[in-house]
Amino acid sequence: MTFKSFQKKSWETAIYPNKYSNLYYPVLGLTGEAGEIANKIKKIMRDDDGEITELRKEEIFNELGNCLWYLAAICSVLEINMDEMAKKNIDKLQSRKKRGKIKGSGDKR
């Protein structure tokens, strides 16, 4: 599955108020799902002595899918093609690596 096809199929399942102009709902959803991933990691540290069990891995897998859904919704509201976004991001990172700027901070490296 490509990002483009995922974005199209996931948008068909997006049911929330004013979905074509409501950026708040998917952004808040994405942050909530990212928080759930962080909570799963916390439980690995607290309850599983740092061992990533198959159950925890499956839970994180599911939350990552939820993050991807919300990311696709944000892109859809903003009319951003996810395939193009992914390619541009990889191009940027490869350029940084080639120029020895992969480490550090700031968007303009």
Protein backbone atom coordinates (compact mmCIF):
# COMPACT_ATOMS: atom_id res chain seq x y z
CA MET A 1 0.00 0.00 0.00
CA THR A 2 1.28 3.47 -0.84
CA PHE A 3 0.82 6.51 1.35
CA LYS A 4 -1.44 7.90 -1.37
CA SER A 5 -3.77 4.91 -1.27
CA PHE A 6 -3.72 4.84 2.54
CA GLN A 7 -4.58 8.54 2.62
CA LYS A 8 -7.50 8.03 0.23
CA LYS A 9 -8.89 4.98 2.04
CA SER A 10 -8.44 6.45 5.51
CA TRP A 11 -10.17 9.70 4.48
CA GLU A 12 -13.23 7.63 3.57
CA THR A 13 -13.42 6.52 7.22
CA ALA A 14 -12.95 10.02 8.68
CA ILE A 15 -16.20 10.94 10.40
CA TYR A 16 -15.94 14.02 12.56
CA PRO A 17 -17.41 17.54 12.53
CA ASN A 18 -16.43 19.75 9.57
CA LYS A 19 -13.84 17.23 8.39
CA TYR A 20 -12.91 19.22 5.29
CA SER A 21 -11.86 22.27 7.30
CA ASN A 22 -11.35 20.96 10.83
CA LEU A 23 -7.62 20.76 11.47
CA TYR A 24 -7.99 20.69 15.26
CA TYR A 25 -9.61 17.28 15.51
CA PRO A 26 -6.91 15.27 13.71
CA VAL A 27 -4.04 17.25 15.28
CA LEU A 28 -5.42 16.61 18.77
CA GLY A 29 -6.03 12.98 17.81
CA LEU A 30 -2.42 12.60 16.64
CA THR A 31 -1.03 14.05 19.86
CA GLY A 32 -3.31 11.80 21.89
CA GLU A 33 -2.18 8.69 20.02
CA ALA A 34 1.49 9.72 20.33
CA GLY A 35 0.88 10.05 24.06
CA GLU A 36 -0.53 6.54 24.12
CA ILE A 37 2.68 5.27 22.49
CA ALA A 38 4.73 7.07 25.14
CA ASN A 39 2.55 5.49 27.82
CA LYS A 40 3.17 2.00 26.37
CA ILE A 41 6.92 2.69 26.46
CA LYS A 42 6.62 3.87 30.06
CA LYS A 43 4.91 0.59 30.97
CA ILE A 44 7.76 -1.35 29.35
CA MET A 45 10.14 0.45 31.71
CA ARG A 46 7.90 0.23 34.77
CA ASP A 47 6.22 -3.16 34.43
CA ASP A 48 8.39 -5.21 32.08
CA ASP A 49 11.90 -4.35 33.30
CA GLY A 50 12.67 -2.76 29.92
CA GLU A 51 11.81 -5.91 27.96
CA ILE A 52 9.67 -5.36 24.88
CA THR A 53 7.20 -8.22 25.03
CA GLU A 54 5.17 -9.36 22.05
CA LEU A 55 2.06 -7.94 23.70
CA ARG A 56 3.65 -4.50 24.14
CA LYS A 57 4.98 -4.62 20.57
CA GLU A 58 1.48 -5.37 19.27
CA GLU A 59 0.01 -2.54 21.35
CA ILE A 60 2.59 -0.09 19.99
CA PHE A 61 1.99 -1.38 16.46
CA ASN A 62 -1.70 -0.57 16.80
CA GLU A 63 -1.06 2.91 18.20
CA LEU A 64 1.38 3.65 15.36
CA GLY A 65 -1.39 2.77 12.91
CA ASN A 66 -3.68 5.22 14.70
CA CYS A 67 -0.97 7.91 14.43
CA LEU A 68 -0.69 7.22 10.71
CA TRP A 69 -4.46 7.59 10.32
CA TYR A 70 -4.45 10.98 12.04
CA LEU A 71 -1.40 12.10 10.05
CA ALA A 72 -3.24 11.18 6.86
CA ALA A 73 -6.27 13.17 8.02
CA ILE A 74 -4.10 16.24 8.68
CA CYS A 75 -2.58 15.89 5.23
CA SER A 76 -6.03 15.52 3.67
CA VAL A 77 -7.37 18.68 5.34
CA LEU A 78 -4.29 20.60 4.18
CA GLU A 79 -4.41 18.96 0.72
CA ILE A 80 -0.91 17.54 1.15
CA ASN A 81 -0.02 14.42 -0.83
CA MET A 82 1.58 11.99 1.64
CA ASP A 83 3.75 10.34 -1.02
CA GLU A 84 5.20 13.73 -1.96
CA MET A 85 5.67 14.65 1.72
CA ALA A 86 7.51 11.39 2.42
CA LYS A 87 9.76 11.80 -0.62
CA LYS A 88 10.61 15.41 0.25
CA ASN A 89 11.46 14.38 3.81
CA ILE A 90 13.79 11.58 2.65
CA ASP A 91 15.44 13.92 0.13
CA LYS A 92 16.07 16.44 2.93
CA LEU A 93 17.56 13.80 5.23
CA GLN A 94 19.76 12.33 2.51
CA SER A 95 21.04 15.81 1.69
CA ARG A 96 21.87 16.42 5.35
CA LYS A 97 23.68 13.10 5.55
CA LYS A 98 25.67 13.81 2.39
CA ARG A 99 26.70 17.22 3.76
CA GLY A 100 27.53 15.84 7.23
CA LYS A 101 24.62 17.74 8.81
CA ILE A 102 22.44 14.84 9.96
CA LYS A 103 23.28 15.59 13.61
CA GLY A 104 22.44 18.82 15.32
CA SER A 105 19.27 20.83 15.45
CA GLY A 106 17.39 23.32 13.35
CA ASP A 107 15.37 22.98 10.18
CA LYS A 108 17.85 24.86 7.97
CA ARG A 109 20.81 22.45 8.26
